[in-house]
Amino acid sequence: MKLLHWPQSPLAVVYLTMLVLQLLGVMILFTLLVEWLPASWSRTVIILQGLTLMIAVVAARWRPPRRFILFPILVAIIAYLWDETLPPPSFNTNESHLVPFLIIIVVVIGGDLFLTWWQSQSFTPKRIPVYGKYVNLDEAAHFFNLPPDVLRMHLVQAGHPVSVGRNGEEYAALDQIIPVVTALRSQDRS
């Protein structure tokens, strides 16, 4: 079982790189806001977000989502305003009431990025729920790393019935799916 899958396309590598740079910047920014690191680390955050923007410019031909452009700008602005050693403007002690508002913005946008990434991950069930002797055809296909249409076609060719449930989902008997999948695996090996 693999926990992390290496991206299969160059675009996925670009997006993953942008996401990692953004998350690193946000984590460092958070440690700055809670004062675990000195303010000079804000330069690192700005550089990371600048790298993210440069990658976004390179990926502009694939039209990355706007959040991959706006979020690094927002994080870099917050980091710049937090560091009082950089030229003005910066937060003064009387303007620190804006910090919780900015943290909420970063958390919301970061959560949005995380949910977008999470939804892009493919569905891989760890087990197949069995209803009587039957399993959902789509879940069984995903479990065995097969396209559902291929599994359905081979089941029908083998003369096994594919039942349609009340909700429109297709079901097949597990004891009929396993020999079909075994035959497909042996064809792939030869």
N, C-alpha and C. Protein backbone atom coordinates (compact mmCIF):
# COMPACT_ATOMS: atom_id res chain seq x y z
N MET A 1 0.84 -1.18 0.00
CA MET A 1 0.00 0.00 0.00
C MET A 1 0.89 1.24 0.00
N LYS A 2 0.67 2.09 -0.99
CA LYS A 2 1.43 3.32 -1.07
C LYS A 2 0.61 4.46 -0.46
N LEU A 3 1.26 5.22 0.40
CA LEU A 3 0.58 6.37 0.97
C LEU A 3 0.67 7.57 0.04
N LEU A 4 1.82 7.73 -0.59
CA LEU A 4 2.03 8.84 -1.50
C LEU A 4 2.27 8.29 -2.89
N HIS A 5 1.57 8.81 -3.86
CA HIS A 5 1.75 8.41 -5.24
C HIS A 5 2.48 9.52 -5.97
N TRP A 6 3.51 9.16 -6.72
CA TRP A 6 4.23 10.15 -7.49
C TRP A 6 3.34 10.59 -8.64
N PRO A 7 3.25 11.90 -8.88
CA PRO A 7 2.39 12.39 -9.96
C PRO A 7 2.79 11.79 -11.31
N GLN A 8 1.80 11.52 -12.14
CA GLN A 8 2.03 10.85 -13.42
C GLN A 8 2.24 11.82 -14.58
N SER A 9 1.84 13.07 -14.44
CA SER A 9 1.97 14.01 -15.55
C SER A 9 2.84 15.20 -15.14
N PRO A 10 3.44 15.88 -16.11
CA PRO A 10 4.25 17.06 -15.78
C PRO A 10 3.43 18.15 -15.09
N LEU A 11 2.17 18.30 -15.49
CA LEU A 11 1.31 19.30 -14.88
C LEU A 11 1.08 18.99 -13.40
N ALA A 12 0.90 17.72 -13.08
CA ALA A 12 0.73 17.33 -11.68
C ALA A 12 1.99 17.62 -10.88
N VAL A 13 3.16 17.43 -11.49
CA VAL A 13 4.42 17.74 -10.80
C VAL A 13 4.51 19.23 -10.53
N VAL A 14 4.11 20.04 -11.51
CA VAL A 14 4.13 21.49 -11.35
C VAL A 14 3.20 21.91 -10.23
N TYR A 15 1.97 21.40 -10.23
CA TYR A 15 1.01 21.75 -9.18
C TYR A 15 1.47 21.28 -7.81
N LEU A 16 2.04 20.07 -7.75
CA LEU A 16 2.53 19.56 -6.48
C LEU A 16 3.67 20.43 -5.95
N THR A 17 4.57 20.85 -6.84
CA THR A 17 5.66 21.73 -6.43
C THR A 17 5.12 23.05 -5.89
N MET A 18 4.15 23.63 -6.60
CA MET A 18 3.55 24.88 -6.14
C MET A 18 2.89 24.70 -4.78
N LEU A 19 2.20 23.59 -4.61
CA LEU A 19 1.51 23.33 -3.35
C LEU A 19 2.50 23.17 -2.20
N VAL A 20 3.59 22.45 -2.44
CA VAL A 20 4.60 22.24 -1.39
C VAL A 20 5.25 23.57 -1.00
N LEU A 21 5.61 24.39 -2.00
CA LEU A 21 6.21 25.69 -1.69
C LEU A 21 5.25 26.57 -0.90
N GLN A 22 3.98 26.56 -1.28
CA GLN A 22 2.99 27.37 -0.56
C GLN A 22 2.83 26.87 0.87
N LEU A 23 2.74 25.58 1.05
CA LEU A 23 2.56 25.05 2.40
C LEU A 23 3.78 25.32 3.28
N LEU A 24 4.98 25.21 2.72
CA LEU A 24 6.18 25.56 3.49
C LEU A 24 6.13 27.02 3.92
N GLY A 25 5.76 27.89 2.99
CA GLY A 25 5.66 29.31 3.32
C GLY A 25 4.64 29.58 4.41
N VAL A 26 3.49 28.90 4.33
CA VAL A 26 2.45 29.11 5.33
C VAL A 26 2.89 28.59 6.69
N MET A 27 3.57 27.45 6.72
CA MET A 27 4.05 26.92 8.01
C MET A 27 5.08 27.86 8.64
N ILE A 28 5.99 28.37 7.83
CA ILE A 28 6.97 29.32 8.38
C ILE A 28 6.28 30.60 8.83
N LEU A 29 5.30 31.06 8.04
CA LEU A 29 4.57 32.27 8.42
C LEU A 29 3.83 32.06 9.74
N PHE A 30 3.24 30.88 9.91
CA PHE A 30 2.55 30.60 11.17
C PHE A 30 3.52 30.65 12.34
N THR A 31 4.72 30.08 12.17
CA THR A 31 5.69 30.12 13.26
C THR A 31 6.18 31.55 13.52
N LEU A 32 6.15 32.37 12.47
CA LEU A 32 6.47 33.79 12.68
C LEU A 32 5.39 34.50 13.49
N LEU A 33 4.13 34.20 13.16
CA LEU A 33 3.02 34.87 13.82
C LEU A 33 2.92 34.50 15.30
N VAL A 34 3.30 33.28 15.64
CA VAL A 34 3.27 32.89 17.05
C VAL A 34 4.62 33.13 17.71
N GLU A 35 5.53 33.77 16.99
CA GLU A 35 6.83 34.22 17.47
C GLU A 35 7.74 33.07 17.92
N TRP A 36 7.72 31.95 17.18
CA TRP A 36 8.64 30.86 17.44
C TRP A 36 9.94 31.06 16.66
N LEU A 37 9.89 31.87 15.61
CA LEU A 37 11.06 32.18 14.80
C LEU A 37 11.27 33.69 14.78
N PRO A 38 12.51 34.14 14.56
CA PRO A 38 12.72 35.59 14.45
C PRO A 38 12.07 36.14 13.18
N ALA A 39 11.80 37.44 13.19
CA ALA A 39 11.10 38.08 12.08
C ALA A 39 11.87 38.01 10.78
N SER A 40 13.16 37.79 10.83
CA SER A 40 13.95 37.73 9.60
C SER A 40 13.58 36.54 8.72
N TRP A 41 12.89 35.55 9.27
CA TRP A 41 12.44 34.41 8.49
C TRP A 41 11.36 34.81 7.49
N SER A 42 10.81 36.00 7.63
CA SER A 42 9.79 36.44 6.67
C SER A 42 10.38 36.53 5.27
N ARG A 43 11.67 36.76 5.16
CA ARG A 43 12.32 36.80 3.85
C ARG A 43 12.25 35.43 3.17
N THR A 44 12.39 34.38 3.97
CA THR A 44 12.27 33.02 3.42
C THR A 44 10.87 32.77 2.89
N VAL A 45 9.88 33.24 3.64
CA VAL A 45 8.49 33.09 3.20
C VAL A 45 8.28 33.84 1.88
N ILE A 46 8.80 35.05 1.80
CA ILE A 46 8.64 35.85 0.58
C ILE A 46 9.32 35.17 -0.60
N ILE A 47 10.50 34.61 -0.37
CA ILE A 47 11.22 33.91 -1.46
C ILE A 47 10.44 32.67 -1.90
N LEU A 48 9.92 31.90 -0.95
CA LEU A 48 9.14 30.71 -1.31
C LEU A 48 7.90 31.08 -2.12
N GLN A 49 7.23 32.15 -1.71
CA GLN A 49 6.04 32.56 -2.45
C GLN A 49 6.41 33.12 -3.82
N GLY A 50 7.57 33.79 -3.89
CA GLY A 50 8.05 34.27 -5.19
C GLY A 50 8.35 33.11 -6.13
N LEU A 51 8.97 32.04 -5.60
CA LEU A 51 9.21 30.85 -6.41
C LEU A 51 7.90 30.24 -6.90
N THR A 52 6.91 30.22 -6.02
CA THR A 52 5.60 29.70 -6.41
C THR A 52 5.02 30.53 -7.55
N LEU A 53 5.14 31.85 -7.45
CA LEU A 53 4.61 32.71 -8.52
C LEU A 53 5.38 32.50 -9.82
N MET A 54 6.70 32.30 -9.73
CA MET A 54 7.47 32.06 -10.96
C MET A 54 7.04 30.74 -11.61
N ILE A 55 6.80 29.72 -10.81
CA ILE A 55 6.31 28.45 -11.36
C ILE A 55 4.92 28.64 -11.96
N ALA A 56 4.10 29.47 -11.32
CA ALA A 56 2.76 29.74 -11.86
C ALA A 56 2.86 30.44 -13.22
N VAL A 57 3.86 31.31 -13.37
CA VAL A 57 4.04 31.98 -14.67
C VAL A 57 4.45 30.95 -15.72
N VAL A 58 5.33 30.02 -15.34
CA VAL A 58 5.73 28.97 -16.27
C VAL A 58 4.52 28.10 -16.63
N ALA A 59 3.67 27.83 -15.64
CA ALA A 59 2.50 26.97 -15.87
C ALA A 59 1.31 27.73 -16.41
N ALA A 60 1.49 29.01 -16.75
CA ALA A 60 0.35 29.82 -17.20
C ALA A 60 -0.28 29.27 -18.46
N ARG A 61 0.48 28.56 -19.25
CA ARG A 61 -0.10 28.01 -20.47
C ARG A 61 -1.15 26.96 -20.17
N TRP A 62 -1.05 26.30 -18.98
CA TRP A 62 -2.06 25.31 -18.57
C TRP A 62 -3.17 25.95 -17.75
N ARG A 63 -3.10 27.25 -17.58
CA ARG A 63 -4.11 28.02 -16.84
C ARG A 63 -4.36 27.46 -15.44
N PRO A 64 -3.38 27.63 -14.56
CA PRO A 64 -3.58 27.15 -13.19
C PRO A 64 -4.70 27.94 -12.52
N PRO A 65 -5.33 27.37 -11.52
CA PRO A 65 -6.39 28.09 -10.81
C PRO A 65 -5.85 29.40 -10.23
N ARG A 66 -6.71 30.39 -10.14
CA ARG A 66 -6.31 31.71 -9.63
C ARG A 66 -5.76 31.64 -8.22
N ARG A 67 -6.23 30.67 -7.46
CA ARG A 67 -5.77 30.58 -6.08
C ARG A 67 -4.27 30.28 -6.02
N PHE A 68 -3.71 29.66 -7.06
CA PHE A 68 -2.28 29.41 -7.08
C PHE A 68 -1.48 30.69 -7.34
N ILE A 69 -2.17 31.74 -7.74
CA ILE A 69 -1.51 33.03 -7.96
C ILE A 69 -1.82 33.99 -6.81
N LEU A 70 -3.08 34.02 -6.39
CA LEU A 70 -3.49 34.96 -5.34
C LEU A 70 -2.98 34.56 -3.96
N PHE A 71 -2.99 33.29 -3.65
CA PHE A 71 -2.58 32.84 -2.32
C PHE A 71 -1.12 33.17 -2.02
N PRO A 72 -0.17 32.91 -2.93
CA PRO A 72 1.22 33.29 -2.62
C PRO A 72 1.40 34.79 -2.46
N ILE A 73 0.65 35.57 -3.23
CA ILE A 73 0.74 37.03 -3.09
C ILE A 73 0.27 37.44 -1.70
N LEU A 74 -0.86 36.88 -1.26
CA LEU A 74 -1.40 37.20 0.06
C LEU A 74 -0.43 36.80 1.18
N VAL A 75 0.13 35.61 1.08
CA VAL A 75 1.06 35.15 2.11
C VAL A 75 2.32 36.02 2.13
N ALA A 76 2.83 36.37 0.95
CA ALA A 76 4.03 37.21 0.88
C ALA A 76 3.75 38.60 1.46
N ILE A 77 2.57 39.16 1.21
CA ILE A 77 2.22 40.48 1.77
C ILE A 77 2.16 40.41 3.29
N ILE A 78 1.54 39.36 3.81
CA ILE A 78 1.45 39.22 5.27
C ILE A 78 2.85 39.10 5.87
N ALA A 79 3.71 38.29 5.23
CA ALA A 79 5.09 38.12 5.74
C ALA A 79 5.85 39.44 5.67
N TYR A 80 5.65 40.19 4.61
CA TYR A 80 6.35 41.48 4.47
C TYR A 80 5.88 42.46 5.55
N LEU A 81 4.57 42.51 5.77
CA LEU A 81 4.04 43.43 6.77
C LEU A 81 4.43 43.02 8.19
N TRP A 82 4.66 41.74 8.41
CA TRP A 82 4.99 41.27 9.76
C TRP A 82 6.42 41.63 10.15
N ASP A 83 7.34 41.66 9.17
CA ASP A 83 8.75 41.92 9.47
C ASP A 83 8.99 43.42 9.57
N GLU A 84 9.30 43.86 10.78
CA GLU A 84 9.53 45.30 10.99
C GLU A 84 10.93 45.72 10.56
N THR A 85 11.82 44.77 10.24
CA THR A 85 13.16 45.13 9.79
C THR A 85 13.18 45.49 8.31
N LEU A 86 12.12 45.15 7.58
CA LEU A 86 12.02 45.52 6.17
C LEU A 86 11.51 46.96 6.07
N PRO A 87 11.71 47.61 4.92
CA PRO A 87 11.21 48.98 4.77
C PRO A 87 9.70 49.05 4.97
N PRO A 88 9.19 50.25 5.37
CA PRO A 88 7.76 50.37 5.61
C PRO A 88 6.97 50.04 4.36
N PRO A 89 5.75 49.65 4.47
CA PRO A 89 4.90 49.59 5.66
C PRO A 89 5.10 48.28 6.42
N SER A 90 4.80 48.33 7.69
CA SER A 90 4.80 47.12 8.52
C SER A 90 3.77 47.32 9.62
N PHE A 91 3.43 46.20 10.27
CA PHE A 91 2.50 46.29 11.39
C PHE A 91 3.16 46.98 12.57
N ASN A 92 2.46 47.89 13.18
CA ASN A 92 2.91 48.44 14.45
C ASN A 92 2.21 47.68 15.55
N THR A 93 2.58 47.94 16.77
CA THR A 93 1.93 47.22 17.87
C THR A 93 0.46 47.58 17.98
N ASN A 94 0.07 48.80 17.58
CA ASN A 94 -1.35 49.16 17.68
C ASN A 94 -2.17 48.62 16.52
N GLU A 95 -1.52 48.13 15.48
CA GLU A 95 -2.25 47.54 14.35
C GLU A 95 -2.27 46.03 14.41
N SER A 96 -1.83 45.45 15.48
CA SER A 96 -1.77 43.99 15.58
C SER A 96 -3.15 43.35 15.69
N HIS A 97 -4.22 44.14 15.82
CA HIS A 97 -5.57 43.57 15.86
C HIS A 97 -5.97 43.00 14.51
N LEU A 98 -5.23 43.31 13.45
CA LEU A 98 -5.51 42.78 12.13
C LEU A 98 -4.96 41.37 11.95
N VAL A 99 -4.05 40.95 12.81
CA VAL A 99 -3.40 39.65 12.66
C VAL A 99 -4.40 38.49 12.69
N PRO A 100 -5.35 38.42 13.64
CA PRO A 100 -6.30 37.30 13.60
C PRO A 100 -7.10 37.26 12.30
N PHE A 101 -7.47 38.41 11.78
CA PHE A 101 -8.21 38.46 10.52
C PHE A 101 -7.35 37.89 9.39
N LEU A 102 -6.07 38.25 9.36
CA LEU A 102 -5.19 37.75 8.32
C LEU A 102 -4.93 36.26 8.48
N ILE A 103 -4.84 35.79 9.72
CA ILE A 103 -4.67 34.36 9.96
C ILE A 103 -5.88 33.60 9.45
N ILE A 104 -7.07 34.13 9.68
CA ILE A 104 -8.29 33.48 9.18
C ILE A 104 -8.27 33.40 7.66
N ILE A 105 -7.83 34.48 7.00
CA ILE A 105 -7.75 34.47 5.54
C ILE A 105 -6.78 33.39 5.07
N VAL A 106 -5.63 33.30 5.70
CA VAL A 106 -4.64 32.29 5.31
C VAL A 106 -5.19 30.89 5.55
N VAL A 107 -5.87 30.66 6.67
CA VAL A 107 -6.42 29.35 6.96
C VAL A 107 -7.51 28.98 5.96
N VAL A 108 -8.36 29.93 5.61
CA VAL A 108 -9.44 29.65 4.65
C VAL A 108 -8.86 29.31 3.28
N ILE A 109 -7.92 30.11 2.81
CA ILE A 109 -7.35 29.85 1.50
C ILE A 109 -6.51 28.58 1.53
N GLY A 110 -5.76 28.37 2.60
CA GLY A 110 -5.00 27.13 2.73
C GLY A 110 -5.90 25.91 2.79
N GLY A 111 -7.00 26.02 3.51
CA GLY A 111 -7.98 24.93 3.53
C GLY A 111 -8.56 24.66 2.16
N ASP A 112 -8.80 25.73 1.41
CA ASP A 112 -9.29 25.59 0.05
C ASP A 112 -8.28 24.85 -0.82
N LEU A 113 -7.01 25.20 -0.69
CA LEU A 113 -5.97 24.50 -1.44
C LEU A 113 -5.89 23.03 -1.05
N PHE A 114 -5.98 22.77 0.25
CA PHE A 114 -5.91 21.38 0.72
C PHE A 114 -7.10 20.58 0.21
N LEU A 115 -8.31 21.15 0.27
CA LEU A 115 -9.49 20.43 -0.21
C LEU A 115 -9.41 20.18 -1.71
N THR A 116 -8.89 21.16 -2.46
CA THR A 116 -8.73 20.97 -3.89
C THR A 116 -7.79 19.81 -4.18
N TRP A 117 -6.68 19.77 -3.45
CA TRP A 117 -5.74 18.67 -3.63
C TRP A 117 -6.37 17.35 -3.21
N TRP A 118 -7.06 17.34 -2.09
CA TRP A 118 -7.67 16.11 -1.57
C TRP A 118 -8.70 15.56 -2.56
N GLN A 119 -9.51 16.44 -3.16
CA GLN A 119 -10.53 15.99 -4.11
C GLN A 119 -9.91 15.50 -5.41
N SER A 120 -8.70 15.94 -5.71
CA SER A 120 -8.07 15.49 -6.95
C SER A 120 -7.48 14.09 -6.82
N GLN A 121 -7.36 13.58 -5.60
CA GLN A 121 -6.82 12.25 -5.40
C GLN A 121 -7.84 11.20 -5.84
N SER A 122 -7.35 10.15 -6.47
CA SER A 122 -8.27 9.12 -6.96
C SER A 122 -8.81 8.30 -5.79
N PHE A 123 -10.01 7.79 -5.98
CA PHE A 123 -10.67 6.97 -4.97
C PHE A 123 -10.08 5.56 -5.02
N THR A 124 -9.52 5.12 -3.90
CA THR A 124 -9.00 3.76 -3.81
C THR A 124 -9.50 3.13 -2.52
N PRO A 125 -10.54 2.33 -2.61
CA PRO A 125 -11.04 1.71 -1.38
C PRO A 125 -10.06 0.66 -0.86
N LYS A 126 -9.99 0.54 0.45
CA LYS A 126 -9.09 -0.43 1.06
C LYS A 126 -9.75 -1.80 1.18
N ARG A 127 -11.03 -1.82 1.08
CA ARG A 127 -11.77 -3.08 1.11
C ARG A 127 -13.06 -2.89 0.33
N ILE A 128 -13.67 -3.99 -0.04
CA ILE A 128 -14.92 -3.92 -0.81
C ILE A 128 -16.06 -4.32 0.11
N PRO A 129 -17.05 -3.44 0.30
CA PRO A 129 -18.21 -3.87 1.09
C PRO A 129 -19.03 -4.90 0.30
N VAL A 130 -19.34 -6.02 0.95
CA VAL A 130 -20.09 -7.09 0.30
C VAL A 130 -21.52 -7.07 0.84
N TYR A 131 -22.48 -7.04 -0.08
CA TYR A 131 -23.90 -7.05 0.27
C TYR A 131 -24.45 -8.42 -0.14
N GLY A 132 -24.60 -9.32 0.85
CA GLY A 132 -24.95 -10.70 0.50
C GLY A 132 -23.73 -11.31 -0.18
N LYS A 133 -23.89 -11.72 -1.43
CA LYS A 133 -22.75 -12.20 -2.21
C LYS A 133 -22.30 -11.15 -3.23
N TYR A 134 -22.97 -10.02 -3.25
CA TYR A 134 -22.75 -9.05 -4.32
C TYR A 134 -21.92 -7.86 -3.85
N VAL A 135 -21.17 -7.28 -4.81
CA VAL A 135 -20.38 -6.09 -4.55
C VAL A 135 -20.70 -5.06 -5.63
N ASN A 136 -20.49 -3.80 -5.28
CA ASN A 136 -20.67 -2.73 -6.25
C ASN A 136 -19.60 -2.87 -7.32
N LEU A 137 -20.02 -2.84 -8.57
CA LEU A 137 -19.09 -3.08 -9.68
C LEU A 137 -18.02 -2.00 -9.77
N ASP A 138 -18.39 -0.74 -9.56
CA ASP A 138 -17.41 0.35 -9.62
C ASP A 138 -16.38 0.23 -8.50
N GLU A 139 -16.84 -0.07 -7.28
CA GLU A 139 -15.91 -0.21 -6.16
C GLU A 139 -14.99 -1.41 -6.36
N ALA A 140 -15.52 -2.50 -6.90
CA ALA A 140 -14.67 -3.67 -7.16
C ALA A 140 -13.63 -3.35 -8.23
N ALA A 141 -14.03 -2.62 -9.26
CA ALA A 141 -13.09 -2.25 -10.32
C ALA A 141 -11.98 -1.36 -9.77
N HIS A 142 -12.33 -0.39 -8.94
CA HIS A 142 -11.31 0.47 -8.33
C HIS A 142 -10.40 -0.33 -7.40
N PHE A 143 -10.99 -1.27 -6.68
CA PHE A 143 -10.19 -2.08 -5.76
C PHE A 143 -9.15 -2.90 -6.51
N PHE A 144 -9.54 -3.44 -7.66
CA PHE A 144 -8.63 -4.26 -8.45
C PHE A 144 -7.85 -3.45 -9.48
N ASN A 145 -7.91 -2.13 -9.40
CA ASN A 145 -7.20 -1.22 -10.31
C ASN A 145 -7.55 -1.49 -11.78
N LEU A 146 -8.83 -1.64 -12.05
CA LEU A 146 -9.32 -1.85 -13.41
C LEU A 146 -10.35 -0.78 -13.74
N PRO A 147 -10.47 -0.39 -14.99
CA PRO A 147 -11.57 0.49 -15.37
C PRO A 147 -12.90 -0.26 -15.22
N PRO A 148 -13.93 0.38 -14.70
CA PRO A 148 -15.22 -0.31 -14.51
C PRO A 148 -15.78 -0.89 -15.82
N ASP A 149 -15.58 -0.19 -16.94
CA ASP A 149 -16.10 -0.68 -18.22
C ASP A 149 -15.43 -1.99 -18.63
N VAL A 150 -14.13 -2.10 -18.38
CA VAL A 150 -13.40 -3.32 -18.73
C VAL A 150 -13.90 -4.49 -17.89
N LEU A 151 -14.06 -4.27 -16.59
CA LEU A 151 -14.56 -5.34 -15.73
C LEU A 151 -15.97 -5.74 -16.14
N ARG A 152 -16.83 -4.78 -16.42
CA ARG A 152 -18.21 -5.05 -16.83
C ARG A 152 -18.21 -5.86 -18.14
N MET A 153 -17.39 -5.47 -19.10
CA MET A 153 -17.34 -6.13 -20.39
C MET A 153 -16.89 -7.59 -20.24
N HIS A 154 -15.86 -7.82 -19.43
CA HIS A 154 -15.36 -9.19 -19.26
C HIS A 154 -16.34 -10.06 -18.46
N LEU A 155 -17.06 -9.47 -17.53
CA LEU A 155 -18.08 -10.23 -16.81
C LEU A 155 -19.19 -10.68 -17.77
N VAL A 156 -19.63 -9.78 -18.64
CA VAL A 156 -20.69 -10.12 -19.59
C VAL A 156 -20.19 -11.16 -20.59
N GLN A 157 -18.93 -11.02 -21.05
CA GLN A 157 -18.36 -12.00 -21.99
C GLN A 157 -18.25 -13.38 -21.35
N ALA A 158 -18.01 -13.40 -20.03
CA ALA A 158 -17.92 -14.68 -19.33
C ALA A 158 -19.29 -15.26 -19.01
N GLY A 159 -20.35 -14.53 -19.32
CA GLY A 159 -21.70 -15.01 -19.09
C GLY A 159 -22.22 -14.76 -17.69
N HIS A 160 -21.57 -13.89 -16.94
CA HIS A 160 -22.02 -13.58 -15.59
C HIS A 160 -22.95 -12.37 -15.62
N PRO A 161 -24.06 -12.45 -14.87
CA PRO A 161 -24.99 -11.32 -14.90
C PRO A 161 -24.48 -10.13 -14.08
N VAL A 162 -24.82 -8.95 -14.57
CA VAL A 162 -24.54 -7.71 -13.84
C VAL A 162 -25.91 -7.13 -13.49
N SER A 163 -26.19 -7.06 -12.20
CA SER A 163 -27.50 -6.59 -11.73
C SER A 163 -27.45 -5.09 -11.48
N VAL A 164 -28.60 -4.44 -11.70
CA VAL A 164 -28.71 -3.01 -11.43
C VAL A 164 -29.60 -2.84 -10.21
N GLY A 165 -29.08 -2.12 -9.21
CA GLY A 165 -29.83 -1.90 -7.98
C GLY A 165 -30.88 -0.81 -8.14
N ARG A 166 -31.61 -0.56 -7.06
CA ARG A 166 -32.66 0.46 -7.09
C ARG A 166 -32.12 1.86 -7.34
N ASN A 167 -30.89 2.11 -6.90
CA ASN A 167 -30.31 3.43 -7.07
C ASN A 167 -29.54 3.57 -8.38
N GLY A 168 -29.59 2.55 -9.24
CA GLY A 168 -28.94 2.62 -10.54
C GLY A 168 -27.51 2.12 -10.56
N GLU A 169 -26.98 1.74 -9.41
CA GLU A 169 -25.63 1.21 -9.36
C GLU A 169 -25.62 -0.26 -9.76
N GLU A 170 -24.52 -0.68 -10.37
CA GLU A 170 -24.41 -2.05 -10.86
C GLU A 170 -23.72 -2.92 -9.81
N TYR A 171 -24.19 -4.16 -9.70
CA TYR A 171 -23.66 -5.11 -8.74
C TYR A 171 -23.38 -6.42 -9.46
N ALA A 172 -22.38 -7.13 -8.96
CA ALA A 172 -22.06 -8.46 -9.48
C ALA A 172 -21.63 -9.33 -8.31
N ALA A 173 -21.76 -10.65 -8.50
CA ALA A 173 -21.37 -11.58 -7.43
C ALA A 173 -19.85 -11.60 -7.31
N LEU A 174 -19.37 -11.53 -6.07
CA LEU A 174 -17.94 -11.50 -5.82
C LEU A 174 -17.26 -12.78 -6.30
N ASP A 175 -17.93 -13.93 -6.13
CA ASP A 175 -17.32 -15.19 -6.57
C ASP A 175 -17.26 -15.29 -8.10
N GLN A 176 -17.96 -14.41 -8.82
CA GLN A 176 -17.84 -14.37 -10.28
C GLN A 176 -16.82 -13.32 -10.72
N ILE A 177 -16.61 -12.29 -9.90
CA ILE A 177 -15.65 -11.24 -10.26
C ILE A 177 -14.22 -11.74 -10.11
N ILE A 178 -13.95 -12.50 -9.05
CA ILE A 178 -12.57 -12.93 -8.76
C ILE A 178 -11.97 -13.76 -9.90
N PRO A 179 -12.68 -14.77 -10.48
CA PRO A 179 -12.07 -15.50 -11.60
C PRO A 179 -11.83 -14.61 -12.83
N VAL A 180 -12.72 -13.65 -13.07
CA VAL A 180 -12.55 -12.75 -14.21
C VAL A 180 -11.31 -11.88 -14.00
N VAL A 181 -11.14 -11.35 -12.79
CA VAL A 181 -9.97 -10.51 -12.50
C VAL A 181 -8.69 -11.35 -12.57
N THR A 182 -8.74 -12.58 -12.06
CA THR A 182 -7.58 -13.46 -12.13
C THR A 182 -7.19 -13.73 -13.58
N ALA A 183 -8.19 -13.97 -14.44
CA ALA A 183 -7.91 -14.21 -15.86
C ALA A 183 -7.32 -12.95 -16.50
N LEU A 184 -7.84 -11.78 -16.14
CA LEU A 184 -7.29 -10.53 -16.69
C LEU A 184 -5.85 -10.32 -16.24
N ARG A 185 -5.54 -10.63 -15.01
CA ARG A 185 -4.18 -10.48 -14.50
C ARG A 185 -3.22 -11.43 -15.21
N SER A 186 -3.68 -12.67 -15.45
CA SER A 186 -2.80 -13.63 -16.13
C SER A 186 -2.58 -13.22 -17.59
N GLN A 187 -3.58 -12.57 -18.23
CA GLN A 187 -3.39 -12.07 -19.59
C GLN A 187 -2.36 -10.94 -19.60
N ASP A 188 -2.38 -10.09 -18.57
CA ASP A 188 -1.44 -8.97 -18.50
C ASP A 188 -0.01 -9.47 -18.32
N ARG A 189 0.16 -10.58 -17.59
CA ARG A 189 1.51 -11.09 -17.33
C ARG A 189 2.11 -11.77 -18.56
N SER A 190 1.26 -12.31 -19.42
CA SER A 190 1.79 -13.00 -20.59
C SER A 190 1.92 -12.13 -21.80
